[in-house]
Amino acid sequence: MSDALTRPADAGPEPNAVVAVLALAGIVVSLMQTLVIPIVPELPTLLHASASNTAWAVTATLLAAAVATPVMGRLGDMIGKRRMLMVSIVLLVSGSVVCALADSLVPMIIGRTLQGLAAAVVPLGISIMRDALPADRLAGSTALMSASLGVGGALGLPAAAFVADKWDWHILFWTSAALGAVSLVLVLLIVPESKVRTGGRFDLVGSLGLSAGLVSLLLAVSKGGDWGWTSGTTLGLGAAAVVILAGWGFYELRAAHPLVDLRTTARPQVLFTNLASVALGFSMFAMSLVLPQLLQLPTQTGYGLGKSMLTVGLVLAPQGLVMMAMSAASAAVTRAKGPKVTLMIGALIVASGYALNILLMSEVWHLILVSCIIGAGVGFTYGALPALIMGAVDPSQTGAATSLNTLMRSLGTSFASALAGVILAQMTTDFGGHALPSENGFKVVMAIGAGAALLAFLLATFIPRRQAAAPTAAEADEQTEAVTTKA
């Protein structure tokens, strides 16, 4: 007899349906972030603006995501994770519609900012899973949710390149809006609201302070290459970030209802997991910077493969499928050995992928193989990270804690972009009067990517030995009910 026939009428939504809907929402958000990549070189022409100004279509999404992720996570803990998930998806749909109607720079930046505000969908989805799913389903489901970030990006790039090449570029954003609308309806119909709430007041001062500090830091990191790393603007923003974030930390330690509970964040399991997340975010993004350039550079350079953006997308697409496939293996290792071991294994796989890439980079199949190996490692690590965080925090803090972890990964990708940009700008070769990144430049970036993965492995060794995970919300309710009944 099927599960649907044997489940009691009041048993709640089918876990498989909840997981599928939340994973779809994560894929849609990842897809949204990827859609603009194929048209970035054409944005100055499409939007009638300079290249430096159209770059804000990417930067605005990065800044908005950094600000929204911790705020949405905290609000989810306070007033409902499903509610804030739906708000995030509404922002994504709204931003996609604005971009679909845009023909100039300002509305495009506004739309991309609104899209960036939806970045908290994945950590909110993971938090909902902790509250709604049986304990034996949690590891595999959260690993799949984490993998949705890579799946959406890997599958979205070739699709976006094909659409941009064949049809009007506005269709990309209409597609994003339609997928977002479908996700919103499915969440409304299938995903339950969590009963776990922290209550309290929202820390407005803390959210403004963290937002100001993050925006200053990310502007300095992401735009420093354009402005000059020693320019007054870059140095001023960097100094402002240090001062603001230090003041923010001082305030949060004394706030009655802090945006981020820094004492919880300082627990070894949370602290070293977040530090490893920065290193892993750095390592993963290094590949995203190197492989597309290697594939697209002219063959006359001796190391470029002269392929189109569509081919780049097709080469990277298997990585997303491998990442999703590895989520099941990641969950199995986590159940058997604990998430710490899973994280360490994944970090070593990523490092080995980069080491192999230094040796194999002259054929398309080389890059497919390397991207799949790195994708397998990322699938392991991204499945372990939420398990480590949830094993160390109370269910009422899951939204804020997982959102902060997601932010740490995003910071790692930003640092990777900045450092790789500096290296590839300095290590060049002359090609027809133009300076192109040299082969050794790419190898240096790949070596740094391997080093970042090994750093993540080292940081993971400091995570405490396997211990009993904090109970899920469902388990906590059962324990409370059992004690009450016994009394």
Protein backbone atom coordinates (compact mmCIF):
# COMPACT_ATOMS: atom_id res chain seq x y z
CA MET A 1 0.00 0.00 0.00
CA SER A 2 1.36 3.46 -0.87
CA ASP A 3 2.55 5.94 1.74
CA ALA A 4 -0.23 8.31 0.74
CA LEU A 5 -2.85 5.67 1.70
CA THR A 6 -1.20 4.67 4.97
CA ARG A 7 -0.46 8.19 6.29
CA PRO A 8 -3.00 9.47 8.83
CA ALA A 9 -5.15 12.38 7.70
CA ASP A 10 -3.58 14.70 10.28
CA ALA A 11 0.01 13.57 9.65
CA GLY A 12 0.87 16.78 7.88
CA PRO A 13 2.31 17.23 4.40
CA GLU A 14 4.21 14.45 2.67
CA PRO A 15 7.95 14.91 3.50
CA ASN A 16 9.02 14.13 -0.08
CA ALA A 17 6.74 16.88 -1.39
CA VAL A 18 8.08 19.40 1.13
CA VAL A 19 11.68 18.57 0.22
CA ALA A 20 10.95 18.76 -3.53
CA VAL A 21 9.24 22.15 -3.26
CA LEU A 22 11.97 23.67 -1.10
CA ALA A 23 14.73 22.30 -3.36
CA LEU A 24 12.92 23.75 -6.38
CA ALA A 25 12.84 27.15 -4.67
CA GLY A 26 16.59 26.90 -4.06
CA ILE A 27 17.24 25.98 -7.69
CA VAL A 28 15.15 28.95 -8.87
CA VAL A 29 17.18 31.36 -6.72
CA SER A 30 20.45 29.92 -7.99
CA LEU A 31 19.13 30.10 -11.53
CA MET A 32 18.28 33.77 -11.03
CA GLN A 33 21.86 34.53 -10.02
CA THR A 34 23.18 32.77 -13.15
CA LEU A 35 20.84 34.23 -15.77
CA VAL A 36 22.73 37.48 -16.22
CA ILE A 37 26.19 35.89 -16.79
CA PRO A 38 25.84 35.23 -20.55
CA ILE A 39 24.73 38.81 -21.25
CA VAL A 40 27.24 40.65 -19.03
CA PRO A 41 29.57 41.51 -21.98
CA GLU A 42 26.58 42.90 -23.91
CA LEU A 43 25.00 44.89 -21.08
CA PRO A 44 26.70 48.20 -22.04
CA THR A 45 25.04 48.00 -25.47
CA LEU A 46 21.73 46.63 -24.19
CA LEU A 47 21.37 49.22 -21.42
CA HIS A 48 23.08 52.16 -23.17
CA ALA A 49 25.63 52.62 -20.38
CA SER A 50 29.34 52.17 -19.74
CA ALA A 51 30.83 48.81 -18.76
CA SER A 52 31.82 50.13 -15.33
CA ASN A 53 28.23 51.23 -14.66
CA THR A 54 26.57 48.06 -15.96
CA ALA A 55 28.81 46.04 -13.63
CA TRP A 56 26.48 47.26 -10.88
CA ALA A 57 23.86 44.87 -12.24
CA VAL A 58 26.01 42.13 -10.73
CA THR A 59 27.36 44.05 -7.73
CA ALA A 60 23.89 45.16 -6.60
CA THR A 61 22.73 41.54 -6.34
CA LEU A 62 25.81 40.63 -4.29
CA LEU A 63 25.29 43.50 -1.85
CA ALA A 64 21.55 42.91 -1.49
CA ALA A 65 22.10 39.21 -0.82
CA ALA A 66 24.67 39.92 1.88
CA VAL A 67 22.30 42.32 3.65
CA ALA A 68 19.14 40.22 3.28
CA THR A 69 20.45 36.80 4.28
CA PRO A 70 21.06 37.37 8.03
CA VAL A 71 18.04 39.70 8.36
CA MET A 72 15.61 37.24 6.73
CA GLY A 73 17.02 34.38 8.81
CA ARG A 74 16.44 36.26 12.05
CA LEU A 75 12.94 37.36 11.00
CA GLY A 76 12.17 33.77 10.07
CA ASP A 77 13.05 32.63 13.59
CA MET A 78 10.88 35.41 15.03
CA ILE A 79 7.72 35.52 12.93
CA GLY A 80 7.78 32.38 10.77
CA LYS A 81 10.26 30.78 8.40
CA ARG A 82 7.66 29.90 5.77
CA ARG A 83 6.36 33.46 5.86
CA MET A 84 9.79 34.93 5.23
CA LEU A 85 10.47 32.30 2.55
CA MET A 86 7.39 33.50 0.72
CA VAL A 87 8.44 37.14 1.13
CA SER A 88 11.83 36.24 -0.37
CA ILE A 89 10.22 34.54 -3.38
CA VAL A 90 7.88 37.51 -3.90
CA LEU A 91 10.95 39.78 -3.99
CA LEU A 92 12.55 37.47 -6.56
CA VAL A 93 9.46 37.55 -8.78
CA SER A 94 9.15 41.33 -8.45
CA GLY A 95 12.80 41.88 -9.30
CA SER A 96 12.57 39.53 -12.28
CA VAL A 97 9.57 41.42 -13.67
CA VAL A 98 11.36 44.76 -13.24
CA CYS A 99 14.41 43.40 -15.10
CA ALA A 100 12.18 41.90 -17.81
CA LEU A 101 10.69 45.34 -18.44
CA ALA A 102 14.03 47.20 -18.23
CA ASP A 103 15.75 48.80 -21.18
CA SER A 104 18.05 51.12 -19.21
CA LEU A 105 20.49 50.85 -16.33
CA VAL A 106 18.52 52.17 -13.34
CA PRO A 107 15.56 49.77 -13.52
CA MET A 108 17.94 46.89 -14.19
CA ILE A 109 19.89 47.69 -11.01
CA ILE A 110 16.64 48.03 -9.04
CA GLY A 111 15.43 44.67 -10.34
CA ARG A 112 18.72 42.93 -9.65
CA THR A 113 18.71 44.38 -6.11
CA LEU A 114 15.24 42.97 -5.49
CA GLN A 115 16.40 39.61 -6.84
CA GLY A 116 19.39 39.66 -4.50
CA LEU A 117 17.08 40.13 -1.52
CA ALA A 118 15.78 36.60 -2.20
CA ALA A 119 19.13 34.99 -1.35
CA ALA A 120 17.89 33.73 2.03
CA VAL A 121 15.63 31.12 0.39
CA VAL A 122 18.12 28.25 0.88
CA PRO A 123 18.91 28.80 4.59
CA LEU A 124 15.22 29.40 5.30
CA GLY A 125 14.39 26.18 3.46
CA ILE A 126 16.94 24.26 5.52
CA SER A 127 15.46 25.72 8.71
CA ILE A 128 11.96 24.66 7.67
CA MET A 129 13.24 21.15 7.02
CA ARG A 130 14.61 20.92 10.55
CA ASP A 131 11.22 21.86 11.97
CA ALA A 132 9.03 19.81 9.62
CA LEU A 133 10.87 16.59 8.74
CA PRO A 134 11.50 13.39 10.72
CA ALA A 135 15.01 13.16 12.13
CA ASP A 136 15.97 10.29 9.82
CA ARG A 137 15.17 12.40 6.75
CA LEU A 138 16.97 15.54 7.82
CA ALA A 139 20.58 14.85 6.72
CA GLY A 140 19.70 13.85 3.16
CA SER A 141 17.12 16.59 2.72
CA THR A 142 19.35 19.44 3.92
CA ALA A 143 22.21 18.13 1.76
CA LEU A 144 19.89 18.21 -1.25
CA MET A 145 18.74 21.74 -0.37
CA SER A 146 22.34 22.94 -0.12
CA ALA A 147 23.16 21.26 -3.43
CA SER A 148 20.33 23.16 -5.11
CA LEU A 149 22.60 26.22 -5.22
CA GLY A 150 25.05 24.44 -7.50
CA VAL A 151 22.39 22.64 -9.51
CA GLY A 152 20.55 25.82 -10.47
CA GLY A 153 23.75 27.54 -11.48
CA ALA A 154 25.13 24.62 -13.46
CA LEU A 155 21.92 23.94 -15.35
CA GLY A 156 20.96 27.59 -15.72
CA LEU A 157 24.14 28.73 -17.45
CA PRO A 158 23.76 26.73 -20.68
CA ALA A 159 20.02 27.41 -20.79
CA ALA A 160 20.58 31.14 -20.30
CA ALA A 161 23.33 31.21 -22.92
CA PHE A 162 21.08 29.43 -25.42
CA VAL A 163 18.12 31.75 -24.80
CA ALA A 164 20.29 34.89 -24.95
CA ASP A 165 21.81 33.71 -28.23
CA LYS A 166 18.53 32.80 -29.93
CA TRP A 167 15.92 35.19 -28.53
CA ASP A 168 15.43 38.52 -26.83
CA TRP A 169 17.34 38.72 -23.54
CA HIS A 170 14.24 39.88 -21.63
CA ILE A 171 12.92 36.32 -21.89
CA LEU A 172 15.55 35.28 -19.35
CA PHE A 173 13.90 37.38 -16.67
CA TRP A 174 10.34 36.51 -17.67
CA THR A 175 11.39 32.88 -17.21
CA SER A 176 12.81 33.65 -13.78
CA ALA A 177 9.56 35.41 -12.82
CA ALA A 178 7.45 32.47 -14.00
CA LEU A 179 9.54 29.89 -12.14
CA GLY A 180 9.43 32.05 -9.03
CA ALA A 181 5.64 32.31 -9.26
CA VAL A 182 5.35 28.52 -9.56
CA SER A 183 7.60 28.09 -6.50
CA LEU A 184 5.52 30.58 -4.54
CA VAL A 185 2.27 28.72 -5.25
CA LEU A 186 3.82 25.36 -4.36
CA VAL A 187 5.22 26.71 -1.08
CA LEU A 188 1.80 28.15 -0.23
CA LEU A 189 0.07 24.83 -0.93
CA ILE A 190 2.57 22.27 0.41
CA VAL A 191 5.13 23.70 2.85
CA PRO A 192 3.94 23.93 6.48
CA GLU A 193 4.66 26.86 8.76
CA SER A 194 6.97 26.11 11.68
CA LYS A 195 5.63 26.45 15.20
CA VAL A 196 9.11 27.22 16.53
CA ARG A 197 9.50 30.95 17.22
CA THR A 198 11.97 32.95 19.27
CA GLY A 199 9.75 35.95 19.83
CA GLY A 200 11.34 39.15 21.06
CA ARG A 201 11.94 42.38 19.19
CA PHE A 202 13.76 42.80 15.91
CA ASP A 203 17.23 44.28 16.33
CA LEU A 204 16.95 47.23 13.93
CA VAL A 205 20.17 48.89 15.09
CA GLY A 206 22.07 45.62 14.75
CA SER A 207 20.67 44.97 11.26
CA LEU A 208 21.61 48.47 10.09
CA GLY A 209 25.10 48.13 11.56
CA LEU A 210 25.73 44.74 9.98
CA SER A 211 24.34 45.94 6.65
CA ALA A 212 26.58 49.02 6.64
CA GLY A 213 29.65 46.96 7.56
CA LEU A 214 28.99 44.28 4.94
CA VAL A 215 28.24 46.78 2.18
CA SER A 216 31.46 48.68 2.95
CA LEU A 217 33.50 45.46 2.98
CA LEU A 218 32.00 43.99 -0.18
CA LEU A 219 32.22 47.25 -2.10
CA ALA A 220 35.92 47.49 -1.25
CA VAL A 221 36.49 43.85 -2.24
CA SER A 222 34.33 43.73 -5.39
CA LYS A 223 35.15 47.18 -6.81
CA GLY A 224 38.74 47.55 -5.59
CA GLY A 225 40.10 46.28 -8.89
CA ASP A 226 38.25 49.03 -10.79
CA TRP A 227 38.92 51.82 -8.33
CA GLY A 228 42.49 50.78 -7.49
CA TRP A 229 43.41 48.78 -4.41
CA THR A 230 45.33 51.69 -2.93
CA SER A 231 42.80 54.36 -3.85
CA GLY A 232 41.24 56.49 -1.14
CA THR A 233 37.80 55.07 -1.86
CA THR A 234 38.87 51.43 -1.50
CA LEU A 235 41.01 52.02 1.60
CA GLY A 236 38.33 54.23 3.15
CA LEU A 237 35.62 51.61 2.66
CA GLY A 238 37.89 48.90 4.05
CA ALA A 239 38.66 50.97 7.14
CA ALA A 240 34.99 51.83 7.55
CA ALA A 241 34.08 48.13 7.39
CA VAL A 242 36.55 47.29 10.17
CA VAL A 243 35.32 50.09 12.43
CA ILE A 244 31.62 49.48 11.78
CA LEU A 245 31.80 45.69 12.22
CA ALA A 246 33.83 46.06 15.42
CA GLY A 247 31.26 48.49 16.79
CA TRP A 248 28.46 46.22 15.65
CA GLY A 249 29.99 43.26 17.50
CA PHE A 250 30.34 45.35 20.67
CA TYR A 251 26.67 46.34 20.44
CA GLU A 252 25.41 42.83 19.66
CA LEU A 253 27.09 41.38 22.74
CA ARG A 254 25.06 43.76 24.88
CA ALA A 255 21.75 43.71 23.01
CA ALA A 256 18.79 41.98 24.69
CA HIS A 257 17.58 40.50 21.36
CA PRO A 258 20.61 40.55 19.02
CA LEU A 259 20.35 40.03 15.29
CA VAL A 260 23.20 37.50 15.57
CA ASP A 261 23.89 35.72 18.85
CA LEU A 262 27.66 36.10 18.87
CA ARG A 263 28.04 33.89 21.93
CA THR A 264 26.42 31.03 20.04
CA THR A 265 28.55 31.87 17.00
CA ALA A 266 31.68 31.59 19.17
CA ARG A 267 30.96 27.95 20.04
CA PRO A 268 33.77 25.86 18.49
CA GLN A 269 31.44 23.80 16.29
CA VAL A 270 29.76 26.91 14.88
CA LEU A 271 32.90 29.05 14.70
CA PHE A 272 35.10 26.56 12.84
CA THR A 273 32.24 25.51 10.57
CA ASN A 274 31.74 29.14 9.54
CA LEU A 275 35.48 29.68 9.03
CA ALA A 276 35.64 26.54 6.90
CA SER A 277 32.65 27.87 4.93
CA VAL A 278 34.58 31.01 4.00
CA ALA A 279 37.47 28.87 2.72
CA LEU A 280 35.11 26.57 0.82
CA GLY A 281 33.23 29.48 -0.74
CA PHE A 282 36.59 30.83 -1.89
CA SER A 283 37.68 27.47 -3.28
CA MET A 284 34.44 26.77 -5.14
CA PHE A 285 34.30 30.15 -6.84
CA ALA A 286 37.91 29.96 -8.03
CA MET A 287 36.83 27.22 -10.44
CA SER A 288 33.92 29.36 -11.69
CA LEU A 289 36.42 32.06 -12.60
CA VAL A 290 39.09 29.89 -14.24
CA LEU A 291 37.24 27.28 -16.29
CA PRO A 292 35.02 29.64 -18.35
CA GLN A 293 38.03 31.77 -19.33
CA LEU A 294 40.12 28.76 -20.30
CA LEU A 295 37.29 27.51 -22.47
CA GLN A 296 36.68 30.85 -24.20
CA LEU A 297 40.22 32.17 -24.78
CA PRO A 298 41.47 31.82 -28.40
CA THR A 299 43.21 28.59 -29.30
CA GLN A 300 46.09 30.67 -30.72
CA THR A 301 47.18 31.42 -27.14
CA GLY A 302 48.31 27.79 -26.84
CA TYR A 303 46.11 27.05 -23.80
CA GLY A 304 42.71 28.57 -24.63
CA LEU A 305 40.09 26.28 -26.17
CA GLY A 306 38.16 28.87 -28.24
CA LYS A 307 34.67 27.75 -27.21
CA SER A 308 31.39 29.69 -27.00
CA MET A 309 29.49 30.65 -23.85
CA LEU A 310 26.94 27.94 -24.67
CA THR A 311 29.73 25.34 -24.68
CA VAL A 312 30.98 26.72 -21.36
CA GLY A 313 27.55 26.13 -19.89
CA LEU A 314 27.36 22.60 -21.27
CA VAL A 315 30.82 21.78 -19.89
CA LEU A 316 29.86 23.01 -16.40
CA ALA A 317 26.35 21.49 -16.39
CA PRO A 318 27.43 17.96 -15.30
CA GLN A 319 28.95 19.48 -12.19
CA GLY A 320 25.50 20.41 -10.90
CA LEU A 321 24.16 16.92 -11.51
CA VAL A 322 27.15 15.38 -9.72
CA MET A 323 26.63 17.79 -6.83
CA MET A 324 23.02 16.67 -6.48
CA ALA A 325 23.97 12.99 -6.75
CA MET A 326 26.60 13.40 -4.04
CA SER A 327 24.05 14.84 -1.60
CA ALA A 328 22.83 11.27 -0.92
CA ALA A 329 26.38 10.02 -0.34
CA SER A 330 27.06 13.03 1.89
CA ALA A 331 24.00 12.22 4.00
CA ALA A 332 25.04 8.56 4.30
CA VAL A 333 28.52 9.47 5.55
CA THR A 334 27.03 12.02 7.94
CA ARG A 335 24.71 9.42 9.46
CA ALA A 336 27.54 6.88 9.79
CA LYS A 337 30.52 9.04 10.78
CA GLY A 338 29.14 12.49 11.54
CA PRO A 339 29.15 15.73 9.51
CA LYS A 340 32.70 16.62 10.55
CA VAL A 341 34.08 13.62 8.67
CA THR A 342 31.85 14.43 5.69
CA LEU A 343 33.19 17.98 5.58
CA MET A 344 36.81 16.81 5.74
CA ILE A 345 36.29 14.25 2.96
CA GLY A 346 34.63 16.86 0.75
CA ALA A 347 37.43 19.38 1.29
CA LEU A 348 40.04 16.79 0.25
CA ILE A 349 38.07 15.91 -2.89
CA VAL A 350 37.89 19.60 -3.86
CA ALA A 351 41.65 20.03 -3.28
CA SER A 352 42.41 16.97 -5.41
CA GLY A 353 40.23 18.33 -8.22
CA TYR A 354 42.21 21.57 -8.34
CA ALA A 355 45.53 19.71 -8.19
CA LEU A 356 44.41 17.60 -11.15
CA ASN A 357 43.31 20.73 -13.01
CA ILE A 358 46.86 22.10 -12.87
CA LEU A 359 47.98 19.01 -14.81
CA LEU A 360 44.92 18.56 -17.04
CA MET A 361 43.68 21.75 -18.72
CA SER A 362 44.31 21.29 -22.45
CA GLU A 363 41.15 19.42 -23.53
CA VAL A 364 37.42 19.95 -23.02
CA TRP A 365 37.08 16.55 -21.35
CA HIS A 366 39.83 17.53 -18.91
CA LEU A 367 37.74 20.43 -17.69
CA ILE A 368 34.55 18.35 -17.54
CA LEU A 369 36.36 15.78 -15.40
CA VAL A 370 37.84 18.41 -13.10
CA SER A 371 34.55 20.27 -12.66
CA CYS A 372 32.78 17.00 -11.78
CA ILE A 373 35.43 16.09 -9.19
CA ILE A 374 35.22 19.53 -7.60
CA GLY A 375 31.42 19.35 -7.79
CA ALA A 376 31.48 16.01 -5.95
CA GLY A 377 33.58 17.56 -3.20
CA VAL A 378 31.30 20.57 -2.95
CA GLY A 379 28.30 18.23 -2.74
CA PHE A 380 29.89 16.58 0.30
CA THR A 381 30.86 19.82 2.02
CA TYR A 382 27.64 21.72 1.40
CA GLY A 383 25.69 18.78 2.78
CA ALA A 384 27.79 18.72 5.95
CA LEU A 385 27.74 22.44 6.75
CA PRO A 386 24.05 22.80 7.70
CA ALA A 387 24.22 19.55 9.69
CA LEU A 388 27.13 20.93 11.73
CA ILE A 389 25.34 24.22 12.36
CA MET A 390 22.02 22.60 13.31
CA GLY A 391 23.83 20.18 15.60
CA ALA A 392 25.13 23.08 17.67
CA VAL A 393 22.21 25.52 17.94
CA ASP A 394 18.74 25.46 19.42
CA PRO A 395 15.86 24.91 16.93
CA SER A 396 14.63 28.45 17.61
CA GLN A 397 17.96 29.83 16.29
CA THR A 398 18.19 27.70 13.16
CA GLY A 399 17.16 30.41 10.70
CA ALA A 400 19.68 32.96 11.92
CA ALA A 401 22.49 30.41 12.30
CA THR A 402 22.09 28.81 8.86
CA SER A 403 21.71 32.23 7.24
CA LEU A 404 24.97 33.40 8.81
CA ASN A 405 26.68 30.27 7.49
CA THR A 406 25.36 31.02 4.00
CA LEU A 407 26.71 34.56 4.35
CA MET A 408 30.16 33.17 5.24
CA ARG A 409 30.21 31.18 2.01
CA SER A 410 29.22 34.29 0.06
CA LEU A 411 32.06 36.27 1.62
CA GLY A 412 34.45 33.53 0.52
CA THR A 413 33.27 33.80 -3.08
CA SER A 414 33.72 37.59 -2.99
CA PHE A 415 37.28 37.29 -1.72
CA ALA A 416 38.01 34.67 -4.39
CA SER A 417 36.75 36.96 -7.12
CA ALA A 418 38.90 39.84 -5.92
CA LEU A 419 42.11 37.84 -5.46
CA ALA A 420 41.74 35.91 -8.71
CA GLY A 421 41.08 39.18 -10.52
CA VAL A 422 44.31 40.66 -9.17
CA ILE A 423 46.36 37.58 -10.08
CA LEU A 424 44.97 37.26 -13.60
CA ALA A 425 45.42 41.00 -14.19
CA GLN A 426 49.07 40.83 -13.13
CA MET A 427 50.08 37.54 -14.76
CA THR A 428 49.34 38.21 -18.43
CA THR A 429 50.58 37.39 -21.89
CA ASP A 430 50.50 39.62 -24.95
CA PHE A 431 48.11 38.51 -27.66
CA GLY A 432 47.74 40.76 -30.66
CA GLY A 433 48.40 43.85 -28.59
CA HIS A 434 45.98 42.77 -25.86
CA ALA A 435 46.96 41.50 -22.41
CA LEU A 436 45.29 38.17 -21.66
CA PRO A 437 45.59 36.06 -18.50
CA SER A 438 48.55 33.72 -18.84
CA GLU A 439 48.54 29.97 -18.42
CA ASN A 440 50.66 30.29 -15.29
CA GLY A 441 48.18 32.83 -13.94
CA PHE A 442 45.39 30.26 -14.19
CA LYS A 443 47.58 27.63 -12.54
CA VAL A 444 48.33 29.98 -9.64
CA VAL A 445 44.61 30.57 -9.10
CA MET A 446 43.96 26.82 -9.17
CA ALA A 447 46.77 26.24 -6.68
CA ILE A 448 45.21 28.83 -4.38
CA GLY A 449 41.84 27.10 -4.80
CA ALA A 450 43.45 23.82 -3.70
CA GLY A 451 45.08 25.62 -0.78
CA ALA A 452 41.75 27.10 0.30
CA ALA A 453 40.18 23.63 0.28
CA LEU A 454 43.07 22.27 2.37
CA LEU A 455 42.59 25.20 4.76
CA ALA A 456 38.93 24.18 5.10
CA PHE A 457 40.11 20.64 5.92
CA LEU A 458 42.48 21.99 8.58
CA LEU A 459 39.76 24.17 10.12
CA ALA A 460 37.40 21.20 10.18
CA THR A 461 39.84 19.26 12.35
CA PHE A 462 39.17 21.78 15.14
CA ILE A 463 35.44 21.02 15.14
CA PRO A 464 34.64 19.00 18.29
CA ARG A 465 34.28 15.25 18.00
CA ARG A 466 30.92 13.83 17.07
CA GLN A 467 28.28 14.53 19.67
CA ALA A 468 24.53 14.19 19.97
CA ALA A 469 22.89 16.73 17.72
CA ALA A 470 20.50 19.29 19.09
CA PRO A 471 16.97 17.87 18.79
CA THR A 472 14.77 18.82 15.88
CA ALA A 473 11.66 20.80 16.66
CA ALA A 474 9.53 17.70 16.16
CA GLU A 475 11.69 15.70 18.58
CA ALA A 476 11.58 18.50 21.14
CA ASP A 477 7.77 18.56 20.94
CA GLU A 478 7.61 14.78 21.41
CA GLN A 479 9.91 14.95 24.45
CA THR A 480 7.84 17.73 26.02
CA GLU A 481 4.60 15.85 25.38
CA ALA A 482 6.03 12.66 26.88
CA VAL A 483 7.12 14.45 30.06
CA THR A 484 3.74 16.18 30.38
CA THR A 485 1.86 12.89 29.92
CA LYS A 486 4.03 11.12 32.48
CA ALA A 487 3.51 13.89 35.01
